[in-house]
Amino acid sequence: MTTDPRAALNALVAALERHLEAAAGRRGENDPVVVGAYRAVAEAFEEYDDALLDAFDEVTPLEVYRGDEDDDDEFDEPDDVEGGGSYTGMDDEDYDDLDDTEPARST
């Protein structure tokens, strides 16, 4: 584990950049390059958060989504990858506020 928060932050940014590249070049639902990049982001984030805690007694407001607590996998993959889930940024109650009559927007 990196104890220097700056070095851990740089590693996290690099992992995010590799994930973006992997996602942009994705080849199918279970692309192992994307899955590996996903796991690397999760690991780098946790190292950064731990380094912040060790150095400054501070943490980020984020956490790695792990899906079901009963799952034995170290990290879960997104919904389109076997065995995992993903966080949409909305809580269950946020979905209740959506207007069912409004057509879905395509992006």
PDB file of N, CA and C in Angstrom:
ATOM      1  N   MET A   1       0.840  -1.188   0.000  1.00  0.00           N
ATOM      2  CA  MET A   1       0.000   0.000   0.000  1.00  0.00           C
ATOM      3  C   MET A   1       0.883   1.249   0.000  1.00  0.00           C
ATOM      4  N   THR A   2       0.505   2.229  -0.748  1.00  0.00           N
ATOM      5  CA  THR A   2       1.201   3.502  -0.802  1.00  0.00           C
ATOM      6  C   THR A   2       0.744   4.340   0.385  1.00  0.00           C
ATOM      7  N   THR A   3       1.692   4.872   1.154  1.00  0.00           N
ATOM      8  CA  THR A   3       1.308   5.683   2.297  1.00  0.00           C
ATOM      9  C   THR A   3       1.299   7.173   1.968  1.00  0.00           C
ATOM     10  N   ASP A   4       1.894   7.546   0.849  1.00  0.00           N
ATOM     11  CA  ASP A   4       1.901   8.945   0.435  1.00  0.00           C
ATOM     12  C   ASP A   4       0.611   9.246  -0.312  1.00  0.00           C
ATOM     13  N   PRO A   5      -0.245  10.132   0.229  1.00  0.00           N
ATOM     14  CA  PRO A   5      -1.520  10.419  -0.432  1.00  0.00           C
ATOM     15  C   PRO A   5      -1.359  10.934  -1.857  1.00  0.00           C
ATOM     16  N   ARG A   6      -0.337  11.731  -2.129  1.00  0.00           N
ATOM     17  CA  ARG A   6      -0.134  12.258  -3.480  1.00  0.00           C
ATOM     18  C   ARG A   6       0.171  11.130  -4.460  1.00  0.00           C
ATOM     19  N   ALA A   7       1.035  10.208  -4.060  1.00  0.00           N
ATOM     20  CA  ALA A   7       1.361   9.071  -4.923  1.00  0.00           C
ATOM     21  C   ALA A   7       0.135   8.182  -5.124  1.00  0.00           C
ATOM     22  N   ALA A   8      -0.647   7.985  -4.075  1.00  0.00           N
ATOM     23  CA  ALA A   8      -1.862   7.178  -4.185  1.00  0.00           C
ATOM     24  C   ALA A   8      -2.883   7.861  -5.093  1.00  0.00           C
ATOM     25  N   LEU A   9      -2.992   9.182  -5.009  1.00  0.00           N
ATOM     26  CA  LEU A   9      -3.892   9.928  -5.883  1.00  0.00           C
ATOM     27  C   LEU A   9      -3.452   9.788  -7.343  1.00  0.00           C
ATOM     28  N   ASN A  10      -2.153   9.917  -7.590  1.00  0.00           N
ATOM     29  CA  ASN A  10      -1.637   9.761  -8.950  1.00  0.00           C
ATOM     30  C   ASN A  10      -1.935   8.360  -9.492  1.00  0.00           C
ATOM     31  N   ALA A  11      -1.808   7.341  -8.645  1.00  0.00           N
ATOM     32  CA  ALA A  11      -2.115   5.970  -9.058  1.00  0.00           C
ATOM     33  C   ALA A  11      -3.606   5.822  -9.355  1.00  0.00           C
ATOM     34  N   LEU A  12      -4.453   6.472  -8.568  1.00  0.00           N
ATOM     35  CA  LEU A  12      -5.900   6.423  -8.805  1.00  0.00           C
ATOM     36  C   LEU A  12      -6.257   7.090 -10.127  1.00  0.00           C
ATOM     37  N   VAL A  13      -5.698   8.242 -10.388  1.00  0.00           N
ATOM     38  CA  VAL A  13      -5.967   8.949 -11.645  1.00  0.00           C
ATOM     39  C   VAL A  13      -5.506   8.096 -12.825  1.00  0.00           C
ATOM     40  N   ALA A  14      -4.349   7.479 -12.701  1.00  0.00           N
ATOM     41  CA  ALA A  14      -3.855   6.612 -13.778  1.00  0.00           C
ATOM     42  C   ALA A  14      -4.785   5.415 -13.988  1.00  0.00           C
ATOM     43  N   ALA A  15      -5.293   4.841 -12.900  1.00  0.00           N
ATOM     44  CA  ALA A  15      -6.227   3.715 -13.005  1.00  0.00           C
ATOM     45  C   ALA A  15      -7.529   4.149 -13.667  1.00  0.00           C
ATOM     46  N   LEU A  16      -8.003   5.340 -13.332  1.00  0.00           N
ATOM     47  CA  LEU A  16      -9.218   5.859 -13.967  1.00  0.00           C
ATOM     48  C   LEU A  16      -9.002   6.083 -15.461  1.00  0.00           C
ATOM     49  N   GLU A  17      -7.830   6.591 -15.827  1.00  0.00           N
ATOM     50  CA  GLU A  17      -7.527   6.799 -17.250  1.00  0.00           C
ATOM     51  C   GLU A  17      -7.462   5.475 -17.995  1.00  0.00           C
ATOM     52  N   ARG A  18      -6.863   4.442 -17.380  1.00  0.00           N
ATOM     53  CA  ARG A  18      -6.813   3.121 -18.015  1.00  0.00           C
ATOM     54  C   ARG A  18      -8.224   2.546 -18.145  1.00  0.00           C
ATOM     55  N   HIS A  19      -9.077   2.792 -17.149  1.00  0.00           N
ATOM     56  CA  HIS A  19     -10.455   2.304 -17.218  1.00  0.00           C
ATOM     57  C   HIS A  19     -11.207   2.984 -18.360  1.00  0.00           C
ATOM     58  N   LEU A  20     -11.018   4.282 -18.522  1.00  0.00           N
ATOM     59  CA  LEU A  20     -11.656   5.003 -19.620  1.00  0.00           C
ATOM     60  C   LEU A  20     -11.221   4.426 -20.963  1.00  0.00           C
ATOM     61  N   GLU A  21      -9.938   4.193 -21.119  1.00  0.00           N
ATOM     62  CA  GLU A  21      -9.434   3.613 -22.368  1.00  0.00           C
ATOM     63  C   GLU A  21      -9.996   2.218 -22.594  1.00  0.00           C
ATOM     64  N   ALA A  22     -10.064   1.417 -21.545  1.00  0.00           N
ATOM     65  CA  ALA A  22     -10.606   0.067 -21.671  1.00  0.00           C
ATOM     66  C   ALA A  22     -12.088   0.106 -22.031  1.00  0.00           C
ATOM     67  N   ALA A  23     -12.830   1.002 -21.405  1.00  0.00           N
ATOM     68  CA  ALA A  23     -14.259   1.121 -21.696  1.00  0.00           C
ATOM     69  C   ALA A  23     -14.483   1.589 -23.132  1.00  0.00           C
ATOM     70  N   ALA A  24     -13.653   2.502 -23.592  1.00  0.00           N
ATOM     71  CA  ALA A  24     -13.788   3.012 -24.956  1.00  0.00           C
ATOM     72  C   ALA A  24     -13.483   1.928 -25.992  1.00  0.00           C
ATOM     73  N   GLY A  25     -12.632   0.989 -25.651  1.00  0.00           N
ATOM     74  CA  GLY A  25     -12.271  -0.082 -26.571  1.00  0.00           C
ATOM     75  C   GLY A  25     -12.927  -1.408 -26.232  1.00  0.00           C
ATOM     76  N   ARG A  26     -13.954  -1.361 -25.464  1.00  0.00           N
ATOM     77  CA  ARG A  26     -14.641  -2.553 -24.966  1.00  0.00           C
ATOM     78  C   ARG A  26     -15.058  -3.485 -26.108  1.00  0.00           C
ATOM     79  N   ARG A  27     -14.803  -4.770 -25.891  1.00  0.00           N
ATOM     80  CA  ARG A  27     -15.155  -5.801 -26.889  1.00  0.00           C
ATOM     81  C   ARG A  27     -16.100  -6.809 -26.262  1.00  0.00           C
ATOM     82  N   GLY A  28     -17.355  -6.430 -26.141  1.00  0.00           N
ATOM     83  CA  GLY A  28     -18.348  -7.344 -25.594  1.00  0.00           C
ATOM     84  C   GLY A  28     -18.625  -7.107 -24.129  1.00  0.00           C
ATOM     85  N   GLU A  29     -19.633  -7.835 -23.662  1.00  0.00           N
ATOM     86  CA  GLU A  29     -20.118  -7.632 -22.296  1.00  0.00           C
ATOM     87  C   GLU A  29     -19.115  -8.029 -21.235  1.00  0.00           C
ATOM     88  N   ASN A  30     -18.335  -9.053 -21.450  1.00  0.00           N
ATOM     89  CA  ASN A  30     -17.421  -9.548 -20.424  1.00  0.00           C
ATOM     90  C   ASN A  30     -15.965  -9.330 -20.807  1.00  0.00           C
ATOM     91  N   ASP A  31     -15.668  -8.188 -21.364  1.00  0.00           N
ATOM     92  CA  ASP A  31     -14.306  -7.890 -21.800  1.00  0.00           C
ATOM     93  C   ASP A  31     -13.366  -7.942 -20.588  1.00  0.00           C
ATOM     94  N   PRO A  32     -12.401  -8.845 -20.595  1.00  0.00           N
ATOM     95  CA  PRO A  32     -11.506  -8.976 -19.446  1.00  0.00           C
ATOM     96  C   PRO A  32     -10.640  -7.735 -19.206  1.00  0.00           C
ATOM     97  N   VAL A  33     -10.385  -6.967 -20.244  1.00  0.00           N
ATOM     98  CA  VAL A  33      -9.602  -5.741 -20.073  1.00  0.00           C
ATOM     99  C   VAL A  33     -10.399  -4.731 -19.247  1.00  0.00           C
ATOM    100  N   VAL A  34     -11.693  -4.614 -19.521  1.00  0.00           N
ATOM    101  CA  VAL A  34     -12.549  -3.693 -18.763  1.00  0.00           C
ATOM    102  C   VAL A  34     -12.697  -4.178 -17.329  1.00  0.00           C
ATOM    103  N   VAL A  35     -12.893  -5.476 -17.144  1.00  0.00           N
ATOM    104  CA  VAL A  35     -13.034  -6.029 -15.800  1.00  0.00           C
ATOM    105  C   VAL A  35     -11.763  -5.778 -14.997  1.00  0.00           C
ATOM    106  N   GLY A  36     -10.621  -6.001 -15.604  1.00  0.00           N
ATOM    107  CA  GLY A  36      -9.353  -5.749 -14.914  1.00  0.00           C
ATOM    108  C   GLY A  36      -9.178  -4.285 -14.552  1.00  0.00           C
ATOM    109  N   ALA A  37      -9.556  -3.408 -15.479  1.00  0.00           N
ATOM    110  CA  ALA A  37      -9.451  -1.968 -15.219  1.00  0.00           C
ATOM    111  C   ALA A  37     -10.416  -1.550 -14.111  1.00  0.00           C
ATOM    112  N   TYR A  38     -11.600  -2.139 -14.096  1.00  0.00           N
ATOM    113  CA  TYR A  38     -12.593  -1.874 -13.043  1.00  0.00           C
ATOM    114  C   TYR A  38     -12.013  -2.230 -11.673  1.00  0.00           C
ATOM    115  N   ARG A  39     -11.425  -3.405 -11.595  1.00  0.00           N
ATOM    116  CA  ARG A  39     -10.828  -3.845 -10.325  1.00  0.00           C
ATOM    117  C   ARG A  39      -9.659  -2.955  -9.922  1.00  0.00           C
ATOM    118  N   ALA A  40      -8.867  -2.543 -10.892  1.00  0.00           N
ATOM    119  CA  ALA A  40      -7.725  -1.677 -10.598  1.00  0.00           C
ATOM    120  C   ALA A  40      -8.168  -0.331 -10.042  1.00  0.00           C
ATOM    121  N   VAL A  41      -9.268   0.213 -10.573  1.00  0.00           N
ATOM    122  CA  VAL A  41      -9.800   1.479 -10.046  1.00  0.00           C
ATOM    123  C   VAL A  41     -10.225   1.286  -8.595  1.00  0.00           C
ATOM    124  N   ALA A  42     -10.938   0.199  -8.319  1.00  0.00           N
ATOM    125  CA  ALA A  42     -11.400  -0.055  -6.955  1.00  0.00           C
ATOM    126  C   ALA A  42     -10.227  -0.179  -5.991  1.00  0.00           C
ATOM    127  N   GLU A  43      -9.213  -0.920  -6.391  1.00  0.00           N
ATOM    128  CA  GLU A  43      -8.042  -1.092  -5.530  1.00  0.00           C
ATOM    129  C   GLU A  43      -7.294   0.221  -5.320  1.00  0.00           C
ATOM    130  N   ALA A  44      -7.099   0.974  -6.402  1.00  0.00           N
ATOM    131  CA  ALA A  44      -6.388   2.253  -6.301  1.00  0.00           C
ATOM    132  C   ALA A  44      -7.160   3.243  -5.442  1.00  0.00           C
ATOM    133  N   PHE A  45      -8.483   3.243  -5.570  1.00  0.00           N
ATOM    134  CA  PHE A  45      -9.288   4.141  -4.742  1.00  0.00           C
ATOM    135  C   PHE A  45      -9.121   3.796  -3.270  1.00  0.00           C
ATOM    136  N   GLU A  46      -9.196   2.516  -2.937  1.00  0.00           N
ATOM    137  CA  GLU A  46      -9.073   2.131  -1.533  1.00  0.00           C
ATOM    138  C   GLU A  46      -7.688   2.472  -0.981  1.00  0.00           C
ATOM    139  N   GLU A  47      -6.658   2.326  -1.803  1.00  0.00           N
ATOM    140  CA  GLU A  47      -5.309   2.717  -1.367  1.00  0.00           C
ATOM    141  C   GLU A  47      -5.239   4.221  -1.118  1.00  0.00           C
ATOM    142  N   TYR A  48      -5.872   4.994  -1.982  1.00  0.00           N
ATOM    143  CA  TYR A  48      -5.892   6.447  -1.801  1.00  0.00           C
ATOM    144  C   TYR A  48      -6.638   6.821  -0.523  1.00  0.00           C
ATOM    145  N   ASP A  49      -7.792   6.228  -0.320  1.00  0.00           N
ATOM    146  CA  ASP A  49      -8.589   6.528   0.870  1.00  0.00           C
ATOM    147  C   ASP A  49      -7.823   6.141   2.139  1.00  0.00           C
ATOM    148  N   ASP A  50      -7.150   4.993   2.116  1.00  0.00           N
ATOM    149  CA  ASP A  50      -6.354   4.568   3.265  1.00  0.00           C
ATOM    150  C   ASP A  50      -5.182   5.514   3.508  1.00  0.00           C
ATOM    151  N   ALA A  51      -4.542   5.971   2.429  1.00  0.00           N
ATOM    152  CA  ALA A  51      -3.409   6.900   2.564  1.00  0.00           C
ATOM    153  C   ALA A  51      -3.869   8.227   3.162  1.00  0.00           C
ATOM    154  N   LEU A  52      -5.047   8.712   2.742  1.00  0.00           N
ATOM    155  CA  LEU A  52      -5.600   9.933   3.330  1.00  0.00           C
ATOM    156  C   LEU A  52      -5.848   9.766   4.820  1.00  0.00           C
ATOM    157  N   LEU A  53      -6.400   8.621   5.169  1.00  0.00           N
ATOM    158  CA  LEU A  53      -6.699   8.351   6.571  1.00  0.00           C
ATOM    159  C   LEU A  53      -5.423   8.292   7.393  1.00  0.00           C
ATOM    160  N   ASP A  54      -4.421   7.580   6.880  1.00  0.00           N
ATOM    161  CA  ASP A  54      -3.158   7.461   7.605  1.00  0.00           C
ATOM    162  C   ASP A  54      -2.449   8.807   7.753  1.00  0.00           C
ATOM    163  N   ALA A  55      -2.424   9.586   6.694  1.00  0.00           N
ATOM    164  CA  ALA A  55      -1.664  10.838   6.701  1.00  0.00           C
ATOM    165  C   ALA A  55      -2.388  11.993   7.375  1.00  0.00           C
ATOM    166  N   PHE A  56      -3.702  12.092   7.169  1.00  0.00           N
ATOM    167  CA  PHE A  56      -4.427  13.286   7.604  1.00  0.00           C
ATOM    168  C   PHE A  56      -5.656  13.002   8.456  1.00  0.00           C
ATOM    169  N   ASP A  57      -5.890  11.726   8.786  1.00  0.00           N
ATOM    170  CA  ASP A  57      -7.097  11.337   9.519  1.00  0.00           C
ATOM    171  C   ASP A  57      -8.345  11.848   8.792  1.00  0.00           C
ATOM    172  N   GLU A  58      -8.335  11.679   7.477  1.00  0.00           N
ATOM    173  CA  GLU A  58      -9.407  12.167   6.599  1.00  0.00           C
ATOM    174  C   GLU A  58      -9.737  11.084   5.586  1.00  0.00           C
ATOM    175  N   VAL A  59     -10.979  11.071   5.097  1.00  0.00           N
ATOM    176  CA  VAL A  59     -11.404  10.126   4.067  1.00  0.00           C
ATOM    177  C   VAL A  59     -12.210  10.863   3.015  1.00  0.00           C
ATOM    178  N   THR A  60     -12.468  10.190   1.891  1.00  0.00           N
ATOM    179  CA  THR A  60     -13.329  10.754   0.856  1.00  0.00           C
ATOM    180  C   THR A  60     -14.784  10.419   1.193  1.00  0.00           C
ATOM    181  N   PRO A  61     -15.740  11.052   0.529  1.00  0.00           N
ATOM    182  CA  PRO A  61     -17.150  10.724   0.767  1.00  0.00           C
ATOM    183  C   PRO A  61     -17.612   9.547  -0.090  1.00  0.00           C
ATOM    184  N   LEU A  62     -16.681   8.786  -0.649  1.00  0.00           N
ATOM    185  CA  LEU A  62     -17.002   7.703  -1.581  1.00  0.00           C
ATOM    186  C   LEU A  62     -16.625   6.359  -0.984  1.00  0.00           C
ATOM    187  N   GLU A  63     -17.216   5.303  -1.544  1.00  0.00           N
ATOM    188  CA  GLU A  63     -16.797   3.957  -1.185  1.00  0.00           C
ATOM    189  C   GLU A  63     -17.009   3.034  -2.367  1.00  0.00           C
ATOM    190  N   VAL A  64     -16.286   1.923  -2.383  1.00  0.00           N
ATOM    191  CA  VAL A  64     -16.396   0.949  -3.457  1.00  0.00           C
ATOM    192  C   VAL A  64     -17.668   0.150  -3.246  1.00  0.00           C
ATOM    193  N   TYR A  65     -18.496   0.081  -4.291  1.00  0.00           N
ATOM    194  CA  TYR A  65     -19.724  -0.702  -4.236  1.00  0.00           C
ATOM    195  C   TYR A  65     -19.365  -2.174  -4.334  1.00  0.00           C
ATOM    196  N   ARG A  66     -19.848  -2.957  -3.421  1.00  0.00           N
ATOM    197  CA  ARG A  66     -19.514  -4.374  -3.391  1.00  0.00           C
ATOM    198  C   ARG A  66     -20.711  -5.284  -3.628  1.00  0.00           C
ATOM    199  N   GLY A  67     -21.891  -4.753  -3.822  1.00  0.00           N
ATOM    200  CA  GLY A  67     -23.061  -5.600  -4.053  1.00  0.00           C
ATOM    201  C   GLY A  67     -23.511  -6.258  -2.774  1.00  0.00           C
ATOM    202  N   ASP A  68     -23.935  -7.508  -2.878  1.00  0.00           N
ATOM    203  CA  ASP A  68     -24.403  -8.253  -1.715  1.00  0.00           C
ATOM    204  C   ASP A  68     -23.258  -8.492  -0.744  1.00  0.00           C
ATOM    205  N   GLU A  69     -23.543  -8.320   0.531  1.00  0.00           N
ATOM    206  CA  GLU A  69     -22.531  -8.545   1.559  1.00  0.00           C
ATOM    207  C   GLU A  69     -22.119 -10.014   1.632  1.00  0.00           C
ATOM    208  N   ASP A  70     -22.988 -10.922   1.170  1.00  0.00           N
ATOM    209  CA  ASP A  70     -22.699 -12.347   1.228  1.00  0.00           C
ATOM    210  C   ASP A  70     -21.756 -12.795   0.122  1.00  0.00           C
ATOM    211  N   ASP A  71     -21.507 -11.948  -0.859  1.00  0.00           N
ATOM    212  CA  ASP A  71     -20.664 -12.283  -1.989  1.00  0.00           C
ATOM    213  C   ASP A  71     -19.218 -12.405  -1.537  1.00  0.00           C
ATOM    214  N   ASP A  72     -18.539 -13.480  -1.936  1.00  0.00           N
ATOM    215  CA  ASP A  72     -17.167 -13.708  -1.519  1.00  0.00           C
ATOM    216  C   ASP A  72     -16.141 -13.028  -2.414  1.00  0.00           C
ATOM    217  N   ASP A  73     -16.565 -12.478  -3.568  1.00  0.00           N
ATOM    218  CA  ASP A  73     -15.622 -11.810  -4.460  1.00  0.00           C
ATOM    219  C   ASP A  73     -15.066 -10.573  -3.791  1.00  0.00           C
ATOM    220  N   GLU A  74     -13.786 -10.281  -4.047  1.00  0.00           N
ATOM    221  CA  GLU A  74     -13.182  -9.086  -3.466  1.00  0.00           C
ATOM    222  C   GLU A  74     -13.839  -7.829  -4.014  1.00  0.00           C
ATOM    223  N   PHE A  75     -14.086  -7.793  -5.329  1.00  0.00           N
ATOM    224  CA  PHE A  75     -14.747  -6.667  -5.953  1.00  0.00           C
ATOM    225  C   PHE A  75     -15.821  -7.182  -6.883  1.00  0.00           C
ATOM    226  N   ASP A  76     -16.945  -6.494  -6.927  1.00  0.00           N
ATOM    227  CA  ASP A  76     -18.016  -6.851  -7.846  1.00  0.00           C
ATOM    228  C   ASP A  76     -17.818  -6.125  -9.159  1.00  0.00           C
ATOM    229  N   GLU A  77     -18.276  -6.765 -10.219  1.00  0.00           N
ATOM    230  CA  GLU A  77     -18.236  -6.157 -11.531  1.00  0.00           C
ATOM    231  C   GLU A  77     -19.561  -5.466 -11.799  1.00  0.00           C
ATOM    232  N   PRO A  78     -19.602  -4.590 -12.806  1.00  0.00           N
ATOM    233  CA  PRO A  78     -20.858  -3.956 -13.186  1.00  0.00           C
ATOM    234  C   PRO A  78     -21.886  -4.996 -13.610  1.00  0.00           C
ATOM    235  N   ASP A  79     -23.169  -4.578 -13.730  1.00  0.00           N
ATOM    236  CA  ASP A  79     -24.259  -5.485 -14.054  1.00  0.00           C
ATOM    237  C   ASP A  79     -24.010  -6.305 -15.307  1.00  0.00           C
ATOM    238  N   ASP A  80     -23.308  -5.748 -16.283  1.00  0.00           N
ATOM    239  CA  ASP A  80     -23.128  -6.477 -17.533  1.00  0.00           C
ATOM    240  C   ASP A  80     -21.965  -7.459 -17.470  1.00  0.00           C
ATOM    241  N   VAL A  81     -21.360  -7.602 -16.300  1.00  0.00           N
ATOM    242  CA  VAL A  81     -20.298  -8.562 -16.108  1.00  0.00           C
ATOM    243  C   VAL A  81     -20.785  -9.560 -15.069  1.00  0.00           C
ATOM    244  N   GLU A  82     -20.463 -10.823 -15.267  1.00  0.00           N
ATOM    245  CA  GLU A  82     -20.972 -11.862 -14.387  1.00  0.00           C
ATOM    246  C   GLU A  82     -20.774 -11.537 -12.915  1.00  0.00           C
ATOM    247  N   GLY A  83     -21.825 -11.748 -12.127  1.00  0.00           N
ATOM    248  CA  GLY A  83     -21.745 -11.728 -10.676  1.00  0.00           C
ATOM    249  C   GLY A  83     -21.706 -10.382 -10.009  1.00  0.00           C
ATOM    250  N   GLY A  84     -21.970  -9.276 -10.676  1.00  0.00           N
ATOM    251  CA  GLY A  84     -21.819  -7.999 -10.000  1.00  0.00           C
ATOM    252  C   GLY A  84     -22.977  -7.068 -10.185  1.00  0.00           C
ATOM    253  N   GLY A  85     -22.874  -5.917  -9.562  1.00  0.00           N
ATOM    254  CA  GLY A  85     -23.866  -4.876  -9.682  1.00  0.00           C
ATOM    255  C   GLY A  85     -23.160  -3.555  -9.854  1.00  0.00           C
ATOM    256  N   SER A  86     -23.894  -2.529 -10.146  1.00  0.00           N
ATOM    257  CA  SER A  86     -23.281  -1.218 -10.275  1.00  0.00           C
ATOM    258  C   SER A  86     -24.176  -0.179  -9.621  1.00  0.00           C
ATOM    259  N   TYR A  87     -23.579   0.908  -9.213  1.00  0.00           N
ATOM    260  CA  TYR A  87     -24.309   1.981  -8.568  1.00  0.00           C
ATOM    261  C   TYR A  87     -24.631   3.041  -9.598  1.00  0.00           C
ATOM    262  N   THR A  88     -25.900   3.426  -9.680  1.00  0.00           N
ATOM    263  CA  THR A  88     -26.331   4.373 -10.702  1.00  0.00           C
ATOM    264  C   THR A  88     -26.234   5.808 -10.242  1.00  0.00           C
ATOM    265  N   GLY A  89     -25.975   6.026  -8.966  1.00  0.00           N
ATOM    266  CA  GLY A  89     -25.961   7.380  -8.441  1.00  0.00           C
ATOM    267  C   GLY A  89     -27.312   7.775  -7.869  1.00  0.00           C
ATOM    268  N   MET A  90     -28.274   6.886  -7.958  1.00  0.00           N
ATOM    269  CA  MET A  90     -29.605   7.166  -7.432  1.00  0.00           C
ATOM    270  C   MET A  90     -29.949   6.119  -6.381  1.00  0.00           C
ATOM    271  N   ASP A  91     -30.562   6.550  -5.295  1.00  0.00           N
ATOM    272  CA  ASP A  91     -31.054   5.634  -4.286  1.00  0.00           C
ATOM    273  C   ASP A  91     -32.443   5.178  -4.681  1.00  0.00           C
ATOM    274  N   ASP A  92     -32.927   4.121  -4.041  1.00  0.00           N
ATOM    275  CA  ASP A  92     -34.240   3.577  -4.392  1.00  0.00           C
ATOM    276  C   ASP A  92     -35.332   4.641  -4.354  1.00  0.00           C
ATOM    277  N   GLU A  93     -35.310   5.513  -3.350  1.00  0.00           N
ATOM    278  CA  GLU A  93     -36.362   6.518  -3.256  1.00  0.00           C
ATOM    279  C   GLU A  93     -36.284   7.548  -4.378  1.00  0.00           C
ATOM    280  N   ASP A  94     -35.098   7.726  -4.973  1.00  0.00           N
ATOM    281  CA  ASP A  94     -34.970   8.648  -6.104  1.00  0.00           C
ATOM    282  C   ASP A  94     -35.752   8.146  -7.313  1.00  0.00           C
ATOM    283  N   TYR A  95     -35.835   6.840  -7.467  1.00  0.00           N
ATOM    284  CA  TYR A  95     -36.575   6.281  -8.595  1.00  0.00           C
ATOM    285  C   TYR A  95     -38.064   6.557  -8.469  1.00  0.00           C
ATOM    286  N   ASP A  96     -38.563   6.656  -7.225  1.00  0.00           N
ATOM    287  CA  ASP A  96     -39.973   6.940  -7.010  1.00  0.00           C
ATOM    288  C   ASP A  96     -40.356   8.318  -7.532  1.00  0.00           C
ATOM    289  N   ASP A  97     -39.400   9.239  -7.555  1.00  0.00           N
ATOM    290  CA  ASP A  97     -39.671  10.613  -7.983  1.00  0.00           C
ATOM    291  C   ASP A  97     -39.719  10.769  -9.502  1.00  0.00           C
ATOM    292  N   LEU A  98     -39.267   9.758 -10.229  1.00  0.00           N
ATOM    293  CA  LEU A  98     -39.257   9.861 -11.687  1.00  0.00           C
ATOM    294  C   LEU A  98     -40.682   9.779 -12.219  1.00  0.00           C
ATOM    295  N   ASP A  99     -40.982  10.583 -13.216  1.00  0.00           N
ATOM    296  CA  ASP A  99     -42.300  10.587 -13.833  1.00  0.00           C
ATOM    297  C   ASP A  99     -42.373   9.446 -14.841  1.00  0.00           C
ATOM    298  N   ASP A 100     -43.266   8.475 -14.588  1.00  0.00           N
ATOM    299  CA  ASP A 100     -43.383   7.319 -15.470  1.00  0.00           C
ATOM    300  C   ASP A 100     -43.903   7.682 -16.848  1.00  0.00           C
ATOM    301  N   THR A 101     -44.551   8.835 -16.973  1.00  0.00           N
ATOM    302  CA  THR A 101     -45.113   9.211 -18.260  1.00  0.00           C
ATOM    303  C   THR A 101     -44.098   9.869 -19.170  1.00  0.00           C
ATOM    304  N   GLU A 102     -42.973  10.306 -18.625  1.00  0.00           N
ATOM    305  CA  GLU A 102     -41.962  10.971 -19.438  1.00  0.00           C
ATOM    306  C   GLU A 102     -41.196   9.924 -20.235  1.00  0.00           C
ATOM    307  N   PRO A 103     -41.058  10.099 -21.543  1.00  0.00           N
ATOM    308  CA  PRO A 103     -40.337   9.109 -22.343  1.00  0.00           C
ATOM    309  C   PRO A 103     -38.854   9.090 -21.971  1.00  0.00           C
ATOM    310  N   ALA A 104     -38.263   7.934 -22.099  1.00  0.00           N
ATOM    311  CA  ALA A 104     -36.835   7.793 -21.805  1.00  0.00           C
ATOM    312  C   ALA A 104     -36.029   8.559 -22.834  1.00  0.00           C
ATOM    313  N   ARG A 105     -34.979   9.201 -22.357  1.00  0.00           N
ATOM    314  CA  ARG A 105     -34.096   9.947 -23.263  1.00  0.00           C
ATOM    315  C   ARG A 105     -32.962   9.052 -23.687  1.00  0.00           C
ATOM    316  N   SER A 106     -32.618   9.115 -24.937  1.00  0.00           N
ATOM    317  CA  SER A 106     -31.450   8.368 -25.391  1.00  0.00           C
ATOM    318  C   SER A 106     -30.277   9.334 -25.472  1.00  0.00           C
ATOM    319  N   THR A 107     -29.113   8.793 -25.104  1.00  0.00           N
ATOM    320  CA  THR A 107     -27.895   9.625 -25.134  1.00  0.00           C
ATOM    321  C   THR A 107     -26.946   9.152 -26.162  1.00  0.00           C
TER     322      THR A 107
END
